[in-house]
Protein backbone atom coordinates (compact mmCIF):
# COMPACT_ATOMS: atom_id res chain seq x y z
CA MET A 1 0.00 0.00 0.00
CA PRO A 2 1.18 3.58 -0.64
CA LEU A 3 2.59 5.45 2.32
CA LYS A 4 0.23 7.77 4.13
CA PHE A 5 1.62 11.28 4.32
CA LEU A 6 1.65 13.59 7.33
CA PHE A 7 2.24 17.32 6.92
CA ILE A 8 2.61 19.86 9.72
CA THR A 9 0.96 23.26 9.30
CA ASN A 10 -1.24 25.74 11.12
CA GLN A 11 -2.23 27.62 7.96
CA ALA A 12 -5.70 26.83 6.63
CA GLU A 13 -4.85 27.47 2.98
CA VAL A 14 -1.75 25.29 3.19
CA ALA A 15 -3.79 22.56 4.88
CA ARG A 16 -6.29 22.64 2.00
CA ILE A 17 -3.45 22.37 -0.51
CA ALA A 18 -1.90 19.44 1.37
CA GLU A 19 -5.27 17.69 1.48
CA ALA A 20 -5.86 18.26 -2.25
CA CYS A 21 -2.41 16.83 -3.00
CA GLY A 22 -3.15 13.61 -1.16
CA VAL A 23 -1.91 14.19 2.38
CA GLU A 24 -3.89 11.91 4.70
CA TYR A 25 -2.96 13.50 8.04
CA VAL A 26 -2.63 17.24 8.56
CA VAL A 27 -0.77 17.87 11.81
CA VAL A 28 -1.15 20.71 14.28
CA ASP A 29 1.74 20.63 16.74
CA LEU A 30 1.00 21.86 20.26
CA GLU A 31 4.06 20.28 21.87
CA ILE A 32 6.21 22.82 23.66
CA LEU A 33 7.02 21.45 27.14
CA GLY A 34 10.69 20.51 27.42
CA LYS A 35 11.26 20.71 23.69
CA GLU A 36 13.61 23.69 23.64
CA GLU A 37 15.85 22.11 26.27
CA ARG A 38 15.97 18.74 24.47
CA GLN A 39 16.65 20.15 21.03
CA CYS A 40 18.93 23.03 22.00
CA ASN A 41 21.50 23.82 19.28
CA ARG A 42 19.83 21.35 16.90
CA ASN A 43 18.46 22.08 13.44
CA SER A 44 14.90 21.57 14.68
CA VAL A 45 11.68 23.51 14.34
CA ILE A 46 9.43 24.27 17.30
CA SER A 47 6.03 24.99 15.80
CA ARG A 48 4.34 26.99 18.60
CA HIS A 49 0.88 26.17 17.28
CA THR A 50 -2.18 26.95 19.42
CA LEU A 51 -5.64 25.59 20.19
CA GLU A 52 -7.02 28.24 17.84
CA ASP A 53 -4.95 26.66 15.09
CA VAL A 54 -6.64 23.31 15.78
CA LEU A 55 -10.02 24.96 15.25
CA ARG A 56 -8.81 26.73 12.11
CA ILE A 57 -7.41 23.59 10.49
CA ARG A 58 -10.49 21.58 11.48
CA GLY A 59 -12.60 24.02 9.52
CA ALA A 60 -10.31 23.80 6.49
CA LEU A 61 -10.33 20.02 6.06
CA THR A 62 -12.97 17.93 4.34
CA ARG A 63 -11.22 14.59 3.78
CA ALA A 64 -7.83 14.47 5.50
CA LYS A 65 -7.73 13.61 9.18
CA LEU A 66 -6.64 16.18 11.72
CA LEU A 67 -3.83 14.87 13.92
CA VAL A 68 -2.82 16.97 16.92
CA ARG A 69 0.41 16.43 18.80
CA VAL A 70 -0.25 17.35 22.41
CA ASN A 71 2.34 17.87 25.13
CA PRO A 72 3.93 15.01 27.07
CA ILE A 73 1.93 13.95 30.13
CA HIS A 74 1.81 16.81 32.65
CA GLU A 75 -0.47 18.14 35.36
CA HIS A 76 -2.85 19.77 32.87
CA SER A 77 -2.97 16.91 30.35
CA ARG A 78 -6.63 16.12 30.91
CA GLU A 79 -7.65 19.71 30.26
CA GLU A 80 -5.46 19.86 27.14
CA VAL A 81 -6.78 16.57 25.77
CA ASP A 82 -10.39 17.57 26.42
CA GLN A 83 -9.90 20.89 24.63
CA VAL A 84 -8.19 19.33 21.63
CA ILE A 85 -10.92 16.71 21.22
CA ALA A 86 -13.61 19.37 21.59
CA ALA A 87 -11.85 21.38 18.86
CA GLY A 88 -12.30 18.48 16.46
CA ALA A 89 -9.08 16.45 16.44
CA ASP A 90 -9.44 13.03 14.83
CA ILE A 91 -6.17 11.69 16.23
CA LEU A 92 -4.12 12.69 19.28
CA MET A 93 -0.37 12.05 19.29
CA LEU A 94 1.51 11.59 22.58
CA PRO A 95 5.18 12.62 22.33
CA TYR A 96 8.20 11.95 24.51
CA PHE A 97 6.77 9.33 26.85
CA LYS A 98 9.10 7.11 28.84
CA THR A 99 6.93 4.75 30.89
CA PRO A 100 3.89 2.51 30.46
CA ARG A 101 2.22 4.61 33.15
CA GLU A 102 2.37 7.74 31.00
CA VAL A 103 0.95 5.93 27.99
CA ALA A 104 -1.81 4.35 30.07
CA ALA A 105 -2.74 7.77 31.46
CA PHE A 106 -2.90 9.20 27.93
CA LEU A 107 -5.02 6.36 26.58
CA GLN A 108 -7.37 6.55 29.54
CA THR A 109 -7.73 10.31 29.19
CA VAL A 110 -8.55 10.07 25.49
CA GLY A 111 -10.99 7.32 26.40
CA GLY A 112 -11.88 6.31 22.85
CA ARG A 113 -13.11 9.78 21.92
CA ALA A 114 -10.44 10.02 19.22
CA GLN A 115 -7.79 7.78 17.73
CA THR A 116 -4.38 7.63 19.39
CA CYS A 117 -0.86 7.75 18.01
CA LEU A 118 2.29 7.21 20.06
CA LEU A 119 5.39 9.14 19.04
CA TRP A 120 8.07 6.63 20.03
CA GLU A 121 11.13 8.80 20.63
CA THR A 122 12.84 7.97 23.93
CA VAL A 123 15.35 5.33 24.97
CA GLU A 124 13.16 4.54 27.97
CA ALA A 125 10.15 3.82 25.74
CA VAL A 126 12.28 1.31 23.83
CA GLU A 127 13.31 -0.32 27.10
CA HIS A 128 9.66 -0.62 28.23
CA MET A 129 8.40 -1.66 24.80
CA GLU A 130 6.66 -4.92 25.69
CA GLU A 131 4.72 -3.38 28.59
CA ILE A 132 3.62 -0.42 26.49
CA LEU A 133 2.56 -2.49 23.51
CA ALA A 134 0.41 -4.64 25.81
CA LEU A 135 -1.78 -1.63 26.63
CA PRO A 136 -5.15 -1.56 24.83
CA GLY A 137 -6.20 1.42 22.73
CA ILE A 138 -3.07 2.21 20.69
CA ASP A 139 -4.20 2.92 17.12
CA MET A 140 -0.88 3.78 15.48
CA ILE A 141 2.78 4.46 16.23
CA HIS A 142 5.31 6.83 14.69
CA ILE A 143 9.02 6.49 15.44
CA GLY A 144 10.45 9.94 16.16
CA LEU A 145 14.02 9.80 14.88
CA ASN A 146 15.01 13.29 16.00
CA ASP A 147 14.60 12.99 19.77
CA LEU A 148 15.45 9.28 19.79
CA HIS A 149 18.82 9.82 18.11
CA ILE A 150 19.55 12.62 20.57
CA GLY A 151 18.72 10.27 23.44
CA CYS A 152 21.05 7.66 21.92
CA ASN A 153 23.89 10.23 21.69
CA MET A 154 24.03 9.89 17.92
CA LYS A 155 25.11 12.60 15.51
CA PHE A 156 22.61 11.95 12.69
CA MET A 157 19.03 10.81 13.02
CA PHE A 158 19.24 8.18 10.29
CA GLU A 159 21.91 6.32 12.24
CA LEU A 160 18.85 4.68 13.84
CA LEU A 161 17.88 3.38 10.41
CA SER A 162 21.34 2.16 9.48
CA ASP A 163 22.14 0.42 12.78
CA GLY A 164 18.98 -1.73 12.85
CA THR A 165 17.11 0.12 15.62
CA VAL A 166 14.23 1.16 13.35
CA GLU A 167 14.04 -2.35 11.90
CA MET A 168 13.82 -3.87 15.39
CA LEU A 169 11.05 -1.48 16.41
CA CYS A 170 9.10 -2.05 13.20
CA ARG A 171 9.30 -5.79 13.74
CA ARG A 172 7.87 -5.45 17.26
CA PHE A 173 5.08 -3.10 16.18
CA ARG A 174 4.14 -5.36 13.29
CA ALA A 175 3.99 -8.35 15.64
CA ALA A 176 1.66 -6.36 17.90
CA GLY A 177 -0.63 -5.62 14.93
CA ILE A 178 -0.27 -1.84 15.25
CA PRO A 179 0.22 0.33 12.11
CA TYR A 180 3.49 2.27 12.20
CA GLY A 181 5.75 4.65 10.37
CA PHE A 182 8.96 6.54 10.99
CA GLY A 183 10.76 9.80 10.40
CA GLY A 184 10.30 12.21 7.55
CA ILE A 185 11.46 12.67 3.98
CA ALA A 186 12.47 15.54 1.75
CA ARG A 187 11.70 15.68 -1.97
CA ILE A 188 13.02 13.00 -4.30
CA GLY A 189 16.71 13.62 -4.87
CA GLN A 190 16.99 15.89 -1.83
CA GLY A 191 18.09 15.45 1.76
CA ASP A 192 21.41 14.54 3.37
CA LEU A 193 20.28 10.95 2.88
CA PRO A 194 18.37 11.07 -0.43
CA ALA A 195 14.64 10.49 -0.11
CA GLU A 196 14.59 7.57 -2.54
CA HIS A 197 16.85 5.50 -0.27
CA ILE A 198 14.62 6.24 2.72
CA LEU A 199 11.50 5.34 0.74
CA ALA A 200 12.96 1.96 -0.16
CA GLU A 201 13.58 1.33 3.53
CA HIS A 202 9.97 2.22 4.32
CA VAL A 203 8.88 -0.44 1.85
CA ARG A 204 11.35 -3.03 3.14
CA LEU A 205 10.28 -2.45 6.74
CA GLY A 206 6.54 -2.41 6.08
CA SER A 207 6.09 1.21 7.17
CA GLY A 208 2.72 2.80 6.53
CA MET A 209 3.34 6.52 7.06
CA VAL A 210 5.94 9.27 6.83
CA ILE A 211 6.13 13.00 7.50
CA LEU A 212 6.68 15.27 4.49
CA SER A 213 9.35 17.83 5.30
CA ARG A 214 8.99 21.59 5.15
CA SER A 215 10.69 21.52 1.73
CA PHE A 216 7.39 20.43 0.16
CA PHE A 217 5.85 23.84 0.79
CA THR A 218 7.97 26.98 0.89
CA LEU A 219 6.20 30.31 0.49
CA ARG A 220 8.89 32.73 -0.61
CA ALA A 221 8.61 36.42 -1.41
CA GLY A 222 7.07 36.85 -4.84
CA ASN A 223 6.06 33.19 -5.03
CA ALA A 224 2.31 32.92 -5.51
CA MET A 225 0.27 30.39 -3.53
CA GLU A 226 -0.72 28.65 -6.76
CA ALA A 227 2.94 28.09 -7.62
CA CYS A 228 3.48 26.61 -4.16
CA ARG A 229 0.51 24.31 -4.71
CA GLU A 230 2.00 23.10 -7.99
CA GLU A 231 5.37 22.47 -6.32
CA PHE A 232 3.67 20.52 -3.54
CA GLN A 233 1.73 18.43 -6.05
CA GLN A 234 4.85 17.73 -8.09
CA GLY A 235 6.72 16.65 -4.97
CA VAL A 236 3.99 14.23 -3.94
CA GLU A 237 3.62 12.85 -7.47
CA ALA A 238 7.37 12.21 -7.63
CA ILE A 239 7.15 10.13 -4.46
CA ARG A 240 4.17 8.20 -5.78
CA ASP A 241 6.01 7.53 -9.03
CA TYR A 242 9.01 6.25 -7.10
CA GLU A 243 6.78 4.08 -4.92
CA ASN A 244 5.31 2.53 -8.07
CA ASN A 245 8.82 1.87 -9.32
CA LEU A 246 9.70 0.14 -6.05
CA GLU A 247 6.83 -2.30 -6.57
CA THR A 248 8.83 -3.84 -9.43
CA LYS A 249 11.97 -4.41 -7.34
CA ASP A 250 13.05 -7.72 -5.85
CA ALA A 251 14.53 -8.60 -2.46
CA ALA A 252 18.08 -8.17 -3.77
CA PHE A 253 17.35 -4.53 -4.63
CA PHE A 254 16.14 -3.74 -1.12
CA GLU A 255 19.10 -5.53 0.46
CA GLU A 256 21.50 -3.51 -1.71
CA ASN A 257 19.66 -0.32 -0.76
CA ARG A 258 20.05 -1.24 2.91
CA TRP A 259 23.82 -1.43 2.45
CA ILE A 260 23.82 1.85 0.52
CA VAL A 261 21.99 3.52 3.41
CA GLN A 262 24.58 2.21 5.86
CA ARG A 263 27.46 3.51 3.77
CA LYS A 264 25.90 6.91 3.16
CA VAL A 265 24.96 7.35 6.83
CA ALA A 266 28.50 6.43 7.91
CA ALA A 267 29.91 9.03 5.51
CA ILE A 268 27.52 11.71 6.82
CA VAL A 269 28.38 10.91 10.44
CA GLU A 270 32.09 11.11 9.66
CA LYS A 271 31.58 14.48 7.98
CA ILE A 272 29.69 15.76 11.04
CA ARG A 273 32.44 14.45 13.34
CA LYS A 274 35.18 16.22 11.37
CA ARG A 275 33.17 19.45 11.31
CA GLU A 276 32.70 19.30 15.08
CA GLU A 277 36.42 18.67 15.63
CA ALA A 278 37.34 21.59 13.40
CA ALA A 279 35.02 23.87 15.37
CA LYS A 280 36.70 23.09 18.70
């Protein structure tokens, strides 16, 4: 099956464009607690979306599902979850959990009023995997490579793909019967690790969803919204074309791609290491 696409935005017009281009999950990102501290000095984006954005995007969508990433479990989680569900979220995503207790609290608070998605992005969550997966009410899982690679003291997020960590997690999620996906991708031919190599790994590992990066929609000065829509559509179509091409490939192709990913990731990590040493 084709990958389901997630795209993060709090702009109604952009959400409508993403939906028209085939994005299945439009994401409003409310997570803010602890994020700046965790991702300090990293090339990361903190969205700073609001509850009003949830309402705005809900009103813009007709087909795509509205997924809202809430904050990690905290003293006001029930109030936050209630507000997000009342605003029309179809799916709630719990980020940065570490224990089965946190996940159980989240699932209980949602209480079947919306679907649930776990953002698996801590070392502790990996350590408590079996207990967490035994909890009822988990509808889908996304592996968050950014925070997880930070927690593993890695230099590049796709080290988790090349060292077998993502494969191990996918195997466990598949055995539990829970749909899953991981990470994000840039446009075909773009990215430190080119998107086509990542796509082949999604197919090999049975992934069902991926986040489209910010590169799919860039509103620059003098660039009309219609031009941005065309660029978005072209980017999505290029991925779909490559997915169709992957359907013709055999097991040997995917094994070779796995080795290519390992080599390319190793080269990127070495480049990062040398840059860090030179900056000292």
